[in-house]
Amino acid sequence: MSSARADEPVSAIQGISEGDAELLKAAFNIKTIRDLATSKYVAVAMNTFSLAALIALLVTLS
């Protein structure tokens, strides 16, 4: 993705409506694709999911 694309409104992502974009802005101050990609909330969610998957794998292997 080019730098210019990263600075487009988050509603440029297929599946995110203008209304969704307004909610993201109000709740998390996310206005652009870059804001979403670098959001600490997204990072926490992704890391939580990854850790849960790792724990599930370790439980399966033990």
N, C-alpha and C. Protein backbone atom coordinates (compact mmCIF):
# COMPACT_ATOMS: atom_id res chain seq x y z
N MET A 1 0.85 -1.18 0.00
CA MET A 1 0.00 0.00 0.00
C MET A 1 0.89 1.23 0.00
N SER A 2 0.60 2.13 -0.87
CA SER A 2 1.39 3.36 -0.93
C SER A 2 1.08 4.24 0.27
N SER A 3 1.98 5.16 0.54
CA SER A 3 1.78 6.08 1.65
C SER A 3 0.51 6.88 1.48
N ALA A 4 0.20 7.26 0.24
CA ALA A 4 -1.02 8.03 -0.02
C ALA A 4 -2.25 7.22 0.36
N ARG A 5 -2.24 5.93 0.06
CA ARG A 5 -3.38 5.07 0.41
C ARG A 5 -3.53 4.97 1.92
N ALA A 6 -2.43 4.94 2.64
CA ALA A 6 -2.49 4.82 4.09
C ALA A 6 -3.15 6.03 4.73
N ASP A 7 -3.10 7.15 4.04
CA ASP A 7 -3.68 8.37 4.59
C ASP A 7 -5.12 8.62 4.12
N GLU A 8 -5.70 7.65 3.42
CA GLU A 8 -7.10 7.75 3.02
C GLU A 8 -8.00 7.49 4.23
N PRO A 9 -9.24 7.96 4.16
CA PRO A 9 -10.17 7.69 5.26
C PRO A 9 -10.34 6.19 5.47
N VAL A 10 -10.57 5.81 6.70
CA VAL A 10 -10.73 4.39 7.02
C VAL A 10 -11.92 3.79 6.26
N SER A 11 -12.86 4.60 5.85
CA SER A 11 -14.00 4.11 5.07
C SER A 11 -13.60 3.66 3.67
N ALA A 12 -12.36 3.90 3.27
CA ALA A 12 -11.87 3.41 1.97
C ALA A 12 -11.67 1.89 2.00
N ILE A 13 -11.66 1.31 3.19
CA ILE A 13 -11.54 -0.14 3.33
C ILE A 13 -12.90 -0.76 3.06
N GLN A 14 -12.94 -1.73 2.15
CA GLN A 14 -14.20 -2.39 1.83
C GLN A 14 -14.80 -2.99 3.10
N GLY A 15 -16.05 -2.70 3.35
CA GLY A 15 -16.74 -3.23 4.52
C GLY A 15 -16.85 -2.25 5.66
N ILE A 16 -16.12 -1.14 5.59
CA ILE A 16 -16.22 -0.09 6.61
C ILE A 16 -17.01 1.07 6.01
N SER A 17 -18.20 1.26 6.51
CA SER A 17 -19.07 2.31 5.98
C SER A 17 -18.69 3.67 6.56
N GLU A 18 -19.28 4.71 6.01
CA GLU A 18 -19.07 6.06 6.55
C GLU A 18 -19.53 6.11 8.01
N GLY A 19 -20.63 5.44 8.29
CA GLY A 19 -21.13 5.39 9.67
C GLY A 19 -20.16 4.68 10.60
N ASP A 20 -19.60 3.56 10.13
CA ASP A 20 -18.59 2.85 10.91
C ASP A 20 -17.38 3.74 11.15
N ALA A 21 -16.98 4.47 10.11
CA ALA A 21 -15.83 5.37 10.23
C ALA A 21 -16.08 6.44 11.28
N GLU A 22 -17.29 6.97 11.32
CA GLU A 22 -17.63 7.98 12.33
C GLU A 22 -17.55 7.39 13.73
N LEU A 23 -18.00 6.15 13.88
CA LEU A 23 -17.93 5.49 15.19
C LEU A 23 -16.48 5.25 15.61
N LEU A 24 -15.64 4.83 14.67
CA LEU A 24 -14.21 4.63 14.98
C LEU A 24 -13.56 5.95 15.39
N LYS A 25 -13.94 7.02 14.71
CA LYS A 25 -13.39 8.34 15.04
C LYS A 25 -13.83 8.77 16.43
N ALA A 26 -15.11 8.59 16.73
CA ALA A 26 -15.64 9.01 18.03
C ALA A 26 -15.05 8.18 19.18
N ALA A 27 -14.92 6.89 18.97
CA ALA A 27 -14.47 6.01 20.04
C ALA A 27 -12.96 5.99 20.22
N PHE A 28 -12.21 6.00 19.11
CA PHE A 28 -10.77 5.76 19.18
C PHE A 28 -9.93 6.81 18.45
N ASN A 29 -10.56 7.85 17.94
CA ASN A 29 -9.88 8.89 17.16
C ASN A 29 -9.16 8.30 15.94
N ILE A 30 -9.76 7.26 15.35
CA ILE A 30 -9.22 6.63 14.14
C ILE A 30 -9.90 7.27 12.95
N LYS A 31 -9.10 7.96 12.12
CA LYS A 31 -9.64 8.66 10.95
C LYS A 31 -9.11 8.10 9.64
N THR A 32 -7.91 7.56 9.64
CA THR A 32 -7.29 7.09 8.40
C THR A 32 -6.93 5.61 8.51
N ILE A 33 -6.60 5.04 7.37
CA ILE A 33 -6.13 3.65 7.36
C ILE A 33 -4.86 3.53 8.21
N ARG A 34 -4.00 4.53 8.14
CA ARG A 34 -2.78 4.53 8.95
C ARG A 34 -3.12 4.52 10.44
N ASP A 35 -4.09 5.35 10.83
CA ASP A 35 -4.51 5.38 12.24
C ASP A 35 -4.97 4.01 12.70
N LEU A 36 -5.75 3.33 11.86
CA LEU A 36 -6.25 2.00 12.21
C LEU A 36 -5.10 1.01 12.33
N ALA A 37 -4.19 1.04 11.36
CA ALA A 37 -3.08 0.08 11.33
C ALA A 37 -2.12 0.27 12.50
N THR A 38 -2.01 1.49 13.02
CA THR A 38 -1.07 1.76 14.11
C THR A 38 -1.77 1.95 15.45
N SER A 39 -3.05 1.62 15.51
CA SER A 39 -3.83 1.78 16.74
C SER A 39 -3.35 0.82 17.82
N LYS A 40 -3.17 1.35 19.02
CA LYS A 40 -2.78 0.49 20.14
C LYS A 40 -3.88 -0.52 20.46
N TYR A 41 -5.12 -0.16 20.18
CA TYR A 41 -6.23 -1.08 20.44
C TYR A 41 -6.20 -2.27 19.48
N VAL A 42 -5.87 -2.00 18.24
CA VAL A 42 -5.73 -3.08 17.26
C VAL A 42 -4.55 -3.97 17.64
N ALA A 43 -3.46 -3.36 18.07
CA ALA A 43 -2.28 -4.13 18.48
C ALA A 43 -2.59 -5.04 19.66
N VAL A 44 -3.31 -4.52 20.65
CA VAL A 44 -3.68 -5.34 21.81
C VAL A 44 -4.58 -6.49 21.38
N ALA A 45 -5.55 -6.22 20.53
CA ALA A 45 -6.45 -7.28 20.06
C ALA A 45 -5.69 -8.35 19.30
N MET A 46 -4.79 -7.95 18.41
CA MET A 46 -4.02 -8.91 17.62
C MET A 46 -3.11 -9.75 18.51
N ASN A 47 -2.45 -9.11 19.47
CA ASN A 47 -1.55 -9.85 20.36
C ASN A 47 -2.32 -10.78 21.28
N THR A 48 -3.47 -10.35 21.77
CA THR A 48 -4.30 -11.21 22.61
C THR A 48 -4.73 -12.45 21.84
N PHE A 49 -5.16 -12.26 20.60
CA PHE A 49 -5.57 -13.38 19.76
C PHE A 49 -4.39 -14.33 19.53
N SER A 50 -3.22 -13.78 19.23
CA SER A 50 -2.04 -14.61 18.97
C SER A 50 -1.63 -15.40 20.20
N LEU A 51 -1.67 -14.77 21.37
CA LEU A 51 -1.31 -15.48 22.60
C LEU A 51 -2.32 -16.59 22.90
N ALA A 52 -3.59 -16.33 22.68
CA ALA A 52 -4.61 -17.36 22.91
C ALA A 52 -4.38 -18.55 21.97
N ALA A 53 -4.04 -18.27 20.73
CA ALA A 53 -3.77 -19.35 19.77
C ALA A 53 -2.53 -20.14 20.19
N LEU A 54 -1.51 -19.45 20.67
CA LEU A 54 -0.29 -20.13 21.12
C LEU A 54 -0.58 -21.00 22.34
N ILE A 55 -1.35 -20.49 23.28
CA ILE A 55 -1.71 -21.28 24.46
C ILE A 55 -2.49 -22.52 24.05
N ALA A 56 -3.43 -22.36 23.14
CA ALA A 56 -4.22 -23.51 22.67
C ALA A 56 -3.31 -24.55 22.02
N LEU A 57 -2.33 -24.10 21.25
CA LEU A 57 -1.39 -25.02 20.62
C LEU A 57 -0.55 -25.74 21.66
N LEU A 58 -0.06 -25.01 22.65
CA LEU A 58 0.76 -25.62 23.69
C LEU A 58 -0.03 -26.64 24.51
N VAL A 59 -1.28 -26.33 24.78
CA VAL A 59 -2.13 -27.28 25.51
C VAL A 59 -2.34 -28.54 24.68
N THR A 60 -2.53 -28.38 23.39
CA THR A 60 -2.72 -29.52 22.49
C THR A 60 -1.46 -30.39 22.45
N LEU A 61 -0.30 -29.76 22.48
CA LEU A 61 0.96 -30.50 22.39
C LEU A 61 1.37 -31.16 23.70
N SER A 62 0.81 -30.73 24.81
CA SER A 62 1.23 -31.29 26.10
C SER A 62 0.42 -32.49 26.52
